[in-house]
Amino acid sequence: MTSIHVKARTSPYPGTTDISRTPVPDDKVPWTVNWSDYKPREYTEQFVLTKPVWADDSDAKKIKHYNEIDENIDRTSFIGKYEIDKETNRPKNAQGRTG
């Protein structure tokens, strides 16, 4: 990681006034730094819950093809290969924790 990202760590979540992110100190942003107490708040924009055609299933464990083309969905990243959280099966932000 070349620089610490800031915008993705701002709180509250964009478009909200009352949904705060978990504060992430600069030294805890990299995934390589152990932070066993990191439990970010779950948040999904209300519109996404209406299941627009481009939205993934809310059960991330159903998604099998991260880091590749999955039928018509490009799940690759311009940053490179990203890690998948073993517990949630969600992609980890390649730039580190966001809260």
PDB file of N, CA and C in Angstrom:
ATOM      1  N   MET A   1       0.865  -1.159   0.000  1.00  0.00           N
ATOM      2  CA  MET A   1       0.000   0.000   0.000  1.00  0.00           C
ATOM      3  C   MET A   1       0.912   1.222   0.000  1.00  0.00           C
ATOM      4  N   THR A   2       0.722   2.107  -0.961  1.00  0.00           N
ATOM      5  CA  THR A   2       1.592   3.267  -1.085  1.00  0.00           C
ATOM      6  C   THR A   2       1.153   4.434  -0.228  1.00  0.00           C
ATOM      7  N   SER A   3      -0.125   4.626  -0.052  1.00  0.00           N
ATOM      8  CA  SER A   3      -0.600   5.722   0.788  1.00  0.00           C
ATOM      9  C   SER A   3      -1.879   5.299   1.503  1.00  0.00           C
ATOM     10  N   ILE A   4      -2.127   5.934   2.624  1.00  0.00           N
ATOM     11  CA  ILE A   4      -3.318   5.631   3.415  1.00  0.00           C
ATOM     12  C   ILE A   4      -4.526   6.307   2.771  1.00  0.00           C
ATOM     13  N   HIS A   5      -5.566   5.540   2.509  1.00  0.00           N
ATOM     14  CA  HIS A   5      -6.777   6.139   1.941  1.00  0.00           C
ATOM     15  C   HIS A   5      -7.556   6.875   3.027  1.00  0.00           C
ATOM     16  N   VAL A   6      -8.201   7.950   2.642  1.00  0.00           N
ATOM     17  CA  VAL A   6      -8.925   8.776   3.604  1.00  0.00           C
ATOM     18  C   VAL A   6     -10.412   8.833   3.268  1.00  0.00           C
ATOM     19  N   LYS A   7     -10.750   9.058   1.996  1.00  0.00           N
ATOM     20  CA  LYS A   7     -12.160   9.234   1.619  1.00  0.00           C
ATOM     21  C   LYS A   7     -13.029   8.045   2.003  1.00  0.00           C
ATOM     22  N   ALA A   8     -12.531   6.834   1.808  1.00  0.00           N
ATOM     23  CA  ALA A   8     -13.330   5.644   2.110  1.00  0.00           C
ATOM     24  C   ALA A   8     -13.492   5.420   3.605  1.00  0.00           C
ATOM     25  N   ARG A   9     -12.836   6.234   4.418  1.00  0.00           N
ATOM     26  CA  ARG A   9     -12.933   6.106   5.870  1.00  0.00           C
ATOM     27  C   ARG A   9     -13.744   7.237   6.496  1.00  0.00           C
ATOM     28  N   THR A  10     -14.301   8.115   5.678  1.00  0.00           N
ATOM     29  CA  THR A  10     -15.059   9.235   6.236  1.00  0.00           C
ATOM     30  C   THR A  10     -16.385   8.747   6.816  1.00  0.00           C
ATOM     31  N   SER A  11     -16.840   9.479   7.792  1.00  0.00           N
ATOM     32  CA  SER A  11     -18.083   9.132   8.462  1.00  0.00           C
ATOM     33  C   SER A  11     -18.908  10.401   8.620  1.00  0.00           C
ATOM     34  N   PRO A  12     -20.221  10.294   8.532  1.00  0.00           N
ATOM     35  CA  PRO A  12     -21.017   9.095   8.330  1.00  0.00           C
ATOM     36  C   PRO A  12     -20.902   8.581   6.887  1.00  0.00           C
ATOM     37  N   TYR A  13     -21.550   7.438   6.637  1.00  0.00           N
ATOM     38  CA  TYR A  13     -21.570   6.905   5.279  1.00  0.00           C
ATOM     39  C   TYR A  13     -22.156   7.949   4.337  1.00  0.00           C
ATOM     40  N   PRO A  14     -21.656   8.025   3.110  1.00  0.00           N
ATOM     41  CA  PRO A  14     -22.183   9.004   2.146  1.00  0.00           C
ATOM     42  C   PRO A  14     -23.695   8.872   1.984  1.00  0.00           C
ATOM     43  N   GLY A  15     -24.367  10.002   1.948  1.00  0.00           N
ATOM     44  CA  GLY A  15     -25.811  10.017   1.771  1.00  0.00           C
ATOM     45  C   GLY A  15     -26.592   9.780   3.047  1.00  0.00           C
ATOM     46  N   THR A  16     -25.882   9.638   4.168  1.00  0.00           N
ATOM     47  CA  THR A  16     -26.565   9.444   5.447  1.00  0.00           C
ATOM     48  C   THR A  16     -26.124  10.531   6.424  1.00  0.00           C
ATOM     49  N   THR A  17     -26.883  10.670   7.480  1.00  0.00           N
ATOM     50  CA  THR A  17     -26.491  11.615   8.530  1.00  0.00           C
ATOM     51  C   THR A  17     -26.285  10.911   9.864  1.00  0.00           C
ATOM     52  N   ASP A  18     -26.713   9.657   9.953  1.00  0.00           N
ATOM     53  CA  ASP A  18     -26.686   8.978  11.247  1.00  0.00           C
ATOM     54  C   ASP A  18     -26.050   7.590  11.241  1.00  0.00           C
ATOM     55  N   ILE A  19     -25.425   7.201  10.141  1.00  0.00           N
ATOM     56  CA  ILE A  19     -24.813   5.875  10.079  1.00  0.00           C
ATOM     57  C   ILE A  19     -23.300   6.050  10.034  1.00  0.00           C
ATOM     58  N   SER A  20     -22.694   5.886  11.193  1.00  0.00           N
ATOM     59  CA  SER A  20     -21.262   6.130  11.341  1.00  0.00           C
ATOM     60  C   SER A  20     -20.436   4.893  11.026  1.00  0.00           C
ATOM     61  N   ARG A  21     -19.272   5.131  10.456  1.00  0.00           N
ATOM     62  CA  ARG A  21     -18.300   4.061  10.246  1.00  0.00           C
ATOM     63  C   ARG A  21     -17.540   3.815  11.548  1.00  0.00           C
ATOM     64  N   THR A  22     -16.973   2.633  11.665  1.00  0.00           N
ATOM     65  CA  THR A  22     -16.063   2.346  12.764  1.00  0.00           C
ATOM     66  C   THR A  22     -14.787   3.139  12.526  1.00  0.00           C
ATOM     67  N   PRO A  23     -14.358   3.958  13.477  1.00  0.00           N
ATOM     68  CA  PRO A  23     -13.121   4.715  13.269  1.00  0.00           C
ATOM     69  C   PRO A  23     -11.922   3.772  13.104  1.00  0.00           C
ATOM     70  N   VAL A  24     -11.109   4.029  12.086  1.00  0.00           N
ATOM     71  CA  VAL A  24      -9.926   3.215  11.822  1.00  0.00           C
ATOM     72  C   VAL A  24      -8.696   4.113  11.903  1.00  0.00           C
ATOM     73  N   PRO A  25      -7.868   3.939  12.942  1.00  0.00           N
ATOM     74  CA  PRO A  25      -6.645   4.738  13.024  1.00  0.00           C
ATOM     75  C   PRO A  25      -5.706   4.394  11.862  1.00  0.00           C
ATOM     76  N   ASP A  26      -4.902   5.349  11.445  1.00  0.00           N
ATOM     77  CA  ASP A  26      -3.989   5.138  10.318  1.00  0.00           C
ATOM     78  C   ASP A  26      -3.151   3.874  10.471  1.00  0.00           C
ATOM     79  N   ASP A  27      -2.689   3.592  11.687  1.00  0.00           N
ATOM     80  CA  ASP A  27      -1.819   2.428  11.876  1.00  0.00           C
ATOM     81  C   ASP A  27      -2.566   1.097  11.775  1.00  0.00           C
ATOM     82  N   LYS A  28      -3.899   1.140  11.766  1.00  0.00           N
ATOM     83  CA  LYS A  28      -4.697  -0.088  11.672  1.00  0.00           C
ATOM     84  C   LYS A  28      -5.317  -0.290  10.287  1.00  0.00           C
ATOM     85  N   VAL A  29      -5.062   0.609   9.357  1.00  0.00           N
ATOM     86  CA  VAL A  29      -5.629   0.478   8.014  1.00  0.00           C
ATOM     87  C   VAL A  29      -5.125  -0.777   7.299  1.00  0.00           C
ATOM     88  N   PRO A  30      -3.825  -1.076   7.277  1.00  0.00           N
ATOM     89  CA  PRO A  30      -3.358  -2.254   6.526  1.00  0.00           C
ATOM     90  C   PRO A  30      -3.908  -3.566   7.095  1.00  0.00           C
ATOM     91  N   TRP A  31      -4.341  -4.448   6.209  1.00  0.00           N
ATOM     92  CA  TRP A  31      -4.848  -5.753   6.642  1.00  0.00           C
ATOM     93  C   TRP A  31      -3.748  -6.589   7.280  1.00  0.00           C
ATOM     94  N   THR A  32      -2.499  -6.281   7.012  1.00  0.00           N
ATOM     95  CA  THR A  32      -1.384  -7.031   7.590  1.00  0.00           C
ATOM     96  C   THR A  32      -1.211  -6.754   9.080  1.00  0.00           C
ATOM     97  N   VAL A  33      -1.830  -5.676   9.569  1.00  0.00           N
ATOM     98  CA  VAL A  33      -1.774  -5.336  10.992  1.00  0.00           C
ATOM     99  C   VAL A  33      -2.917  -6.051  11.709  1.00  0.00           C
ATOM    100  N   ASN A  34      -2.581  -6.848  12.715  1.00  0.00           N
ATOM    101  CA  ASN A  34      -3.600  -7.569  13.469  1.00  0.00           C
ATOM    102  C   ASN A  34      -4.474  -6.587  14.252  1.00  0.00           C
ATOM    103  N   TRP A  35      -5.777  -6.743  14.125  1.00  0.00           N
ATOM    104  CA  TRP A  35      -6.727  -5.933  14.897  1.00  0.00           C
ATOM    105  C   TRP A  35      -7.942  -6.814  15.165  1.00  0.00           C
ATOM    106  N   SER A  36      -7.823  -7.664  16.176  1.00  0.00           N
ATOM    107  CA  SER A  36      -8.868  -8.656  16.456  1.00  0.00           C
ATOM    108  C   SER A  36     -10.190  -8.021  16.886  1.00  0.00           C
ATOM    109  N   ASP A  37     -10.153  -6.787  17.381  1.00  0.00           N
ATOM    110  CA  ASP A  37     -11.383  -6.106  17.801  1.00  0.00           C
ATOM    111  C   ASP A  37     -12.092  -5.384  16.659  1.00  0.00           C
ATOM    112  N   TYR A  38     -11.567  -5.467  15.453  1.00  0.00           N
ATOM    113  CA  TYR A  38     -12.179  -4.765  14.318  1.00  0.00           C
ATOM    114  C   TYR A  38     -13.496  -5.437  13.951  1.00  0.00           C
ATOM    115  N   LYS A  39     -14.579  -4.742  14.187  1.00  0.00           N
ATOM    116  CA  LYS A  39     -15.929  -5.231  13.871  1.00  0.00           C
ATOM    117  C   LYS A  39     -16.696  -4.081  13.224  1.00  0.00           C
ATOM    118  N   PRO A  40     -16.473  -3.836  11.931  1.00  0.00           N
ATOM    119  CA  PRO A  40     -17.149  -2.709  11.289  1.00  0.00           C
ATOM    120  C   PRO A  40     -18.660  -2.916  11.235  1.00  0.00           C
ATOM    121  N   ARG A  41     -19.364  -1.820  11.255  1.00  0.00           N
ATOM    122  CA  ARG A  41     -20.825  -1.836  11.196  1.00  0.00           C
ATOM    123  C   ARG A  41     -21.285  -2.338   9.828  1.00  0.00           C
ATOM    124  N   GLU A  42     -22.309  -3.161   9.821  1.00  0.00           N
ATOM    125  CA  GLU A  42     -22.923  -3.608   8.570  1.00  0.00           C
ATOM    126  C   GLU A  42     -23.785  -2.477   8.033  1.00  0.00           C
ATOM    127  N   TYR A  43     -23.632  -2.159   6.772  1.00  0.00           N
ATOM    128  CA  TYR A  43     -24.475  -1.131   6.169  1.00  0.00           C
ATOM    129  C   TYR A  43     -24.624  -1.404   4.683  1.00  0.00           C
ATOM    130  N   THR A  44     -25.860  -1.402   4.220  1.00  0.00           N
ATOM    131  CA  THR A  44     -26.167  -1.501   2.798  1.00  0.00           C
ATOM    132  C   THR A  44     -27.161  -0.396   2.481  1.00  0.00           C
ATOM    133  N   GLU A  45     -26.865   0.372   1.455  1.00  0.00           N
ATOM    134  CA  GLU A  45     -27.758   1.452   1.027  1.00  0.00           C
ATOM    135  C   GLU A  45     -29.152   0.866   0.772  1.00  0.00           C
ATOM    136  N   GLN A  46     -30.176   1.543   1.238  1.00  0.00           N
ATOM    137  CA  GLN A  46     -31.558   1.066   1.124  1.00  0.00           C
ATOM    138  C   GLN A  46     -31.923   0.693  -0.314  1.00  0.00           C
ATOM    139  N   PHE A  47     -31.485   1.493  -1.273  1.00  0.00           N
ATOM    140  CA  PHE A  47     -31.807   1.219  -2.673  1.00  0.00           C
ATOM    141  C   PHE A  47     -31.257  -0.136  -3.121  1.00  0.00           C
ATOM    142  N   VAL A  48     -30.097  -0.511  -2.633  1.00  0.00           N
ATOM    143  CA  VAL A  48     -29.495  -1.791  -3.016  1.00  0.00           C
ATOM    144  C   VAL A  48     -30.336  -2.954  -2.489  1.00  0.00           C
ATOM    145  N   LEU A  49     -30.994  -2.746  -1.371  1.00  0.00           N
ATOM    146  CA  LEU A  49     -31.847  -3.795  -0.807  1.00  0.00           C
ATOM    147  C   LEU A  49     -33.077  -4.078  -1.664  1.00  0.00           C
ATOM    148  N   THR A  50     -33.401  -3.185  -2.610  1.00  0.00           N
ATOM    149  CA  THR A  50     -34.512  -3.430  -3.533  1.00  0.00           C
ATOM    150  C   THR A  50     -34.101  -4.367  -4.663  1.00  0.00           C
ATOM    151  N   LYS A  51     -32.855  -4.812  -4.642  1.00  0.00           N
ATOM    152  CA  LYS A  51     -32.297  -5.791  -5.582  1.00  0.00           C
ATOM    153  C   LYS A  51     -32.297  -5.313  -7.036  1.00  0.00           C
ATOM    154  N   PRO A  52     -31.657  -4.169  -7.310  1.00  0.00           N
ATOM    155  CA  PRO A  52     -31.518  -3.777  -8.712  1.00  0.00           C
ATOM    156  C   PRO A  52     -30.710  -4.839  -9.465  1.00  0.00           C
ATOM    157  N   VAL A  53     -30.848  -4.874 -10.761  1.00  0.00           N
ATOM    158  CA  VAL A  53     -30.256  -5.926 -11.582  1.00  0.00           C
ATOM    159  C   VAL A  53     -28.744  -6.052 -11.388  1.00  0.00           C
ATOM    160  N   TRP A  54     -28.058  -4.967 -11.093  1.00  0.00           N
ATOM    161  CA  TRP A  54     -26.601  -4.994 -10.964  1.00  0.00           C
ATOM    162  C   TRP A  54     -26.120  -5.400  -9.572  1.00  0.00           C
ATOM    163  N   ALA A  55     -27.030  -5.526  -8.604  1.00  0.00           N
ATOM    164  CA  ALA A  55     -26.626  -5.816  -7.220  1.00  0.00           C
ATOM    165  C   ALA A  55     -26.401  -7.310  -7.008  1.00  0.00           C
ATOM    166  N   ASP A  56     -25.393  -7.630  -6.210  1.00  0.00           N
ATOM    167  CA  ASP A  56     -25.142  -9.018  -5.843  1.00  0.00           C
ATOM    168  C   ASP A  56     -26.190  -9.499  -4.855  1.00  0.00           C
ATOM    169  N   ASP A  57     -26.288 -10.807  -4.722  1.00  0.00           N
ATOM    170  CA  ASP A  57     -27.143 -11.406  -3.708  1.00  0.00           C
ATOM    171  C   ASP A  57     -26.666 -10.922  -2.338  1.00  0.00           C
ATOM    172  N   SER A  58     -27.576 -10.718  -1.421  1.00  0.00           N
ATOM    173  CA  SER A  58     -27.187 -10.246  -0.090  1.00  0.00           C
ATOM    174  C   SER A  58     -26.383 -11.298   0.675  1.00  0.00           C
ATOM    175  N   ASP A  59     -26.467 -12.547   0.273  1.00  0.00           N
ATOM    176  CA  ASP A  59     -25.675 -13.613   0.885  1.00  0.00           C
ATOM    177  C   ASP A  59     -24.365 -13.754   0.110  1.00  0.00           C
ATOM    178  N   ALA A  60     -23.310 -13.150   0.628  1.00  0.00           N
ATOM    179  CA  ALA A  60     -22.019 -13.144  -0.068  1.00  0.00           C
ATOM    180  C   ALA A  60     -21.449 -14.547  -0.247  1.00  0.00           C
ATOM    181  N   LYS A  61     -21.894 -15.495   0.546  1.00  0.00           N
ATOM    182  CA  LYS A  61     -21.369 -16.858   0.420  1.00  0.00           C
ATOM    183  C   LYS A  61     -21.825 -17.533  -0.875  1.00  0.00           C
ATOM    184  N   LYS A  62     -22.807 -16.957  -1.541  1.00  0.00           N
ATOM    185  CA  LYS A  62     -23.265 -17.498  -2.820  1.00  0.00           C
ATOM    186  C   LYS A  62     -22.370 -17.067  -3.980  1.00  0.00           C
ATOM    187  N   ILE A  63     -21.522 -16.080  -3.755  1.00  0.00           N
ATOM    188  CA  ILE A  63     -20.651 -15.568  -4.813  1.00  0.00           C
ATOM    189  C   ILE A  63     -19.382 -16.407  -4.833  1.00  0.00           C
ATOM    190  N   LYS A  64     -19.070 -16.985  -5.982  1.00  0.00           N
ATOM    191  CA  LYS A  64     -17.970 -17.947  -6.073  1.00  0.00           C
ATOM    192  C   LYS A  64     -16.766 -17.466  -6.883  1.00  0.00           C
ATOM    193  N   HIS A  65     -16.921 -16.473  -7.720  1.00  0.00           N
ATOM    194  CA  HIS A  65     -15.864 -16.166  -8.688  1.00  0.00           C
ATOM    195  C   HIS A  65     -15.276 -14.776  -8.521  1.00  0.00           C
ATOM    196  N   TYR A  66     -14.726 -14.505  -7.350  1.00  0.00           N
ATOM    197  CA  TYR A  66     -14.041 -13.230  -7.152  1.00  0.00           C
ATOM    198  C   TYR A  66     -12.732 -13.230  -7.936  1.00  0.00           C
ATOM    199  N   ASN A  67     -12.235 -12.043  -8.246  1.00  0.00           N
ATOM    200  CA  ASN A  67     -10.963 -11.854  -8.950  1.00  0.00           C
ATOM    201  C   ASN A  67     -10.975 -12.423 -10.367  1.00  0.00           C
ATOM    202  N   GLU A  68     -12.137 -12.550 -10.964  1.00  0.00           N
ATOM    203  CA  GLU A  68     -12.226 -13.046 -12.338  1.00  0.00           C
ATOM    204  C   GLU A  68     -13.535 -12.569 -12.970  1.00  0.00           C
ATOM    205  N   ILE A  69     -13.709 -12.901 -14.228  1.00  0.00           N
ATOM    206  CA  ILE A  69     -14.966 -12.600 -14.912  1.00  0.00           C
ATOM    207  C   ILE A  69     -15.954 -13.700 -14.538  1.00  0.00           C
ATOM    208  N   ASP A  70     -17.094 -13.302 -13.994  1.00  0.00           N
ATOM    209  CA  ASP A  70     -18.128 -14.226 -13.547  1.00  0.00           C
ATOM    210  C   ASP A  70     -19.331 -14.033 -14.467  1.00  0.00           C
ATOM    211  N   GLU A  71     -19.412 -14.857 -15.510  1.00  0.00           N
ATOM    212  CA  GLU A  71     -20.400 -14.696 -16.574  1.00  0.00           C
ATOM    213  C   GLU A  71     -20.268 -13.290 -17.153  1.00  0.00           C
ATOM    214  N   ASN A  72     -21.250 -12.414 -16.939  1.00  0.00           N
ATOM    215  CA  ASN A  72     -21.173 -11.052 -17.483  1.00  0.00           C
ATOM    216  C   ASN A  72     -20.676 -10.033 -16.466  1.00  0.00           C
ATOM    217  N   ILE A  73     -20.243 -10.489 -15.310  1.00  0.00           N
ATOM    218  CA  ILE A  73     -19.811  -9.580 -14.245  1.00  0.00           C
ATOM    219  C   ILE A  73     -18.295  -9.631 -14.117  1.00  0.00           C
ATOM    220  N   ASP A  74     -17.675  -8.474 -14.247  1.00  0.00           N
ATOM    221  CA  ASP A  74     -16.222  -8.387 -14.091  1.00  0.00           C
ATOM    222  C   ASP A  74     -15.908  -8.150 -12.619  1.00  0.00           C
ATOM    223  N   ARG A  75     -15.426  -9.172 -11.947  1.00  0.00           N
ATOM    224  CA  ARG A  75     -15.110  -9.077 -10.521  1.00  0.00           C
ATOM    225  C   ARG A  75     -13.614  -8.863 -10.287  1.00  0.00           C
ATOM    226  N   THR A  76     -12.909  -8.445 -11.317  1.00  0.00           N
ATOM    227  CA  THR A  76     -11.495  -8.121 -11.159  1.00  0.00           C
ATOM    228  C   THR A  76     -11.361  -6.679 -10.680  1.00  0.00           C
ATOM    229  N   SER A  77     -10.165  -6.309 -10.259  1.00  0.00           N
ATOM    230  CA  SER A  77      -9.892  -4.952  -9.798  1.00  0.00           C
ATOM    231  C   SER A  77      -8.699  -4.394 -10.554  1.00  0.00           C
ATOM    232  N   PHE A  78      -8.739  -3.107 -10.877  1.00  0.00           N
ATOM    233  CA  PHE A  78      -7.603  -2.487 -11.558  1.00  0.00           C
ATOM    234  C   PHE A  78      -6.392  -2.431 -10.631  1.00  0.00           C
ATOM    235  N   ILE A  79      -6.610  -2.574  -9.338  1.00  0.00           N
ATOM    236  CA  ILE A  79      -5.512  -2.554  -8.369  1.00  0.00           C
ATOM    237  C   ILE A  79      -4.765  -3.880  -8.381  1.00  0.00           C
ATOM    238  N   GLY A  80      -5.437  -4.941  -8.763  1.00  0.00           N
ATOM    239  CA  GLY A  80      -4.840  -6.272  -8.760  1.00  0.00           C
ATOM    240  C   GLY A  80      -5.715  -7.233  -7.983  1.00  0.00           C
ATOM    241  N   LYS A  81      -5.166  -8.395  -7.695  1.00  0.00           N
ATOM    242  CA  LYS A  81      -5.923  -9.407  -6.969  1.00  0.00           C
ATOM    243  C   LYS A  81      -6.184  -8.932  -5.540  1.00  0.00           C
ATOM    244  N   TYR A  82      -7.414  -9.113  -5.086  1.00  0.00           N
ATOM    245  CA  TYR A  82      -7.790  -8.726  -3.732  1.00  0.00           C
ATOM    246  C   TYR A  82      -8.113  -9.978  -2.923  1.00  0.00           C
ATOM    247  N   GLU A  83      -8.010  -9.844  -1.611  1.00  0.00           N
ATOM    248  CA  GLU A  83      -8.283 -10.959  -0.709  1.00  0.00           C
ATOM    249  C   GLU A  83      -9.776 -11.070  -0.420  1.00  0.00           C
ATOM    250  N   ILE A  84     -10.191 -12.271  -0.062  1.00  0.00           N
ATOM    251  CA  ILE A  84     -11.571 -12.532   0.331  1.00  0.00           C
ATOM    252  C   ILE A  84     -11.568 -12.903   1.812  1.00  0.00           C
ATOM    253  N   ASP A  85     -12.436 -12.274   2.585  1.00  0.00           N
ATOM    254  CA  ASP A  85     -12.545 -12.573   4.009  1.00  0.00           C
ATOM    255  C   ASP A  85     -13.064 -13.997   4.170  1.00  0.00           C
ATOM    256  N   LYS A  86     -12.345 -14.815   4.915  1.00  0.00           N
ATOM    257  CA  LYS A  86     -12.704 -16.230   5.062  1.00  0.00           C
ATOM    258  C   LYS A  86     -14.027 -16.440   5.800  1.00  0.00           C
ATOM    259  N   GLU A  87     -14.375 -15.538   6.702  1.00  0.00           N
ATOM    260  CA  GLU A  87     -15.618 -15.695   7.469  1.00  0.00           C
ATOM    261  C   GLU A  87     -16.848 -15.220   6.705  1.00  0.00           C
ATOM    262  N   THR A  88     -16.731 -14.090   6.021  1.00  0.00           N
ATOM    263  CA  THR A  88     -17.904 -13.487   5.378  1.00  0.00           C
ATOM    264  C   THR A  88     -17.996 -13.767   3.881  1.00  0.00           C
ATOM    265  N   ASN A  89     -16.905 -14.198   3.274  1.00  0.00           N
ATOM    266  CA  ASN A  89     -16.788 -14.382   1.823  1.00  0.00           C
ATOM    267  C   ASN A  89     -16.969 -13.061   1.076  1.00  0.00           C
ATOM    268  N   ARG A  90     -16.662 -11.970   1.727  1.00  0.00           N
ATOM    269  CA  ARG A  90     -16.712 -10.659   1.085  1.00  0.00           C
ATOM    270  C   ARG A  90     -15.303 -10.230   0.711  1.00  0.00           C
ATOM    271  N   PRO A  91     -15.177  -9.480  -0.367  1.00  0.00           N
ATOM    272  CA  PRO A  91     -13.844  -8.981  -0.721  1.00  0.00           C
ATOM    273  C   PRO A  91     -13.356  -7.968   0.306  1.00  0.00           C
ATOM    274  N   LYS A  92     -12.056  -8.018   0.580  1.00  0.00           N
ATOM    275  CA  LYS A  92     -11.441  -7.011   1.445  1.00  0.00           C
ATOM    276  C   LYS A  92     -10.991  -5.855   0.567  1.00  0.00           C
ATOM    277  N   ASN A  93     -11.194  -4.643   1.029  1.00  0.00           N
ATOM    278  CA  ASN A  93     -10.738  -3.473   0.285  1.00  0.00           C
ATOM    279  C   ASN A  93      -9.230  -3.592   0.095  1.00  0.00           C
ATOM    280  N   ALA A  94      -8.781  -3.530  -1.132  1.00  0.00           N
ATOM    281  CA  ALA A  94      -7.357  -3.689  -1.433  1.00  0.00           C
ATOM    282  C   ALA A  94      -6.500  -2.599  -0.803  1.00  0.00           C
ATOM    283  N   GLN A  95      -7.107  -1.478  -0.451  1.00  0.00           N
ATOM    284  CA  GLN A  95      -6.368  -0.377   0.165  1.00  0.00           C
ATOM    285  C   GLN A  95      -6.373  -0.450   1.693  1.00  0.00           C
ATOM    286  N   GLY A  96      -7.081  -1.423   2.269  1.00  0.00           N
ATOM    287  CA  GLY A  96      -7.086  -1.585   3.719  1.00  0.00           C
ATOM    288  C   GLY A  96      -8.459  -1.392   4.334  1.00  0.00           C
ATOM    289  N   ARG A  97      -8.472  -1.390   5.644  1.00  0.00           N
ATOM    290  CA  ARG A  97      -9.732  -1.253   6.384  1.00  0.00           C
ATOM    291  C   ARG A  97     -10.351   0.124   6.151  1.00  0.00           C
ATOM    292  N   THR A  98     -11.682   0.148   6.114  1.00  0.00           N
ATOM    293  CA  THR A  98     -12.394   1.415   5.916  1.00  0.00           C
ATOM    294  C   THR A  98     -13.322   1.751   7.070  1.00  0.00           C
ATOM    295  N   GLY A  99     -13.615   0.783   7.930  1.00  0.00           N
ATOM    296  CA  GLY A  99     -14.524   1.045   9.043  1.00  0.00           C
ATOM    297  C   GLY A  99     -15.935   0.776   8.656  1.00  0.00           C
TER     298      GLY A  99
END
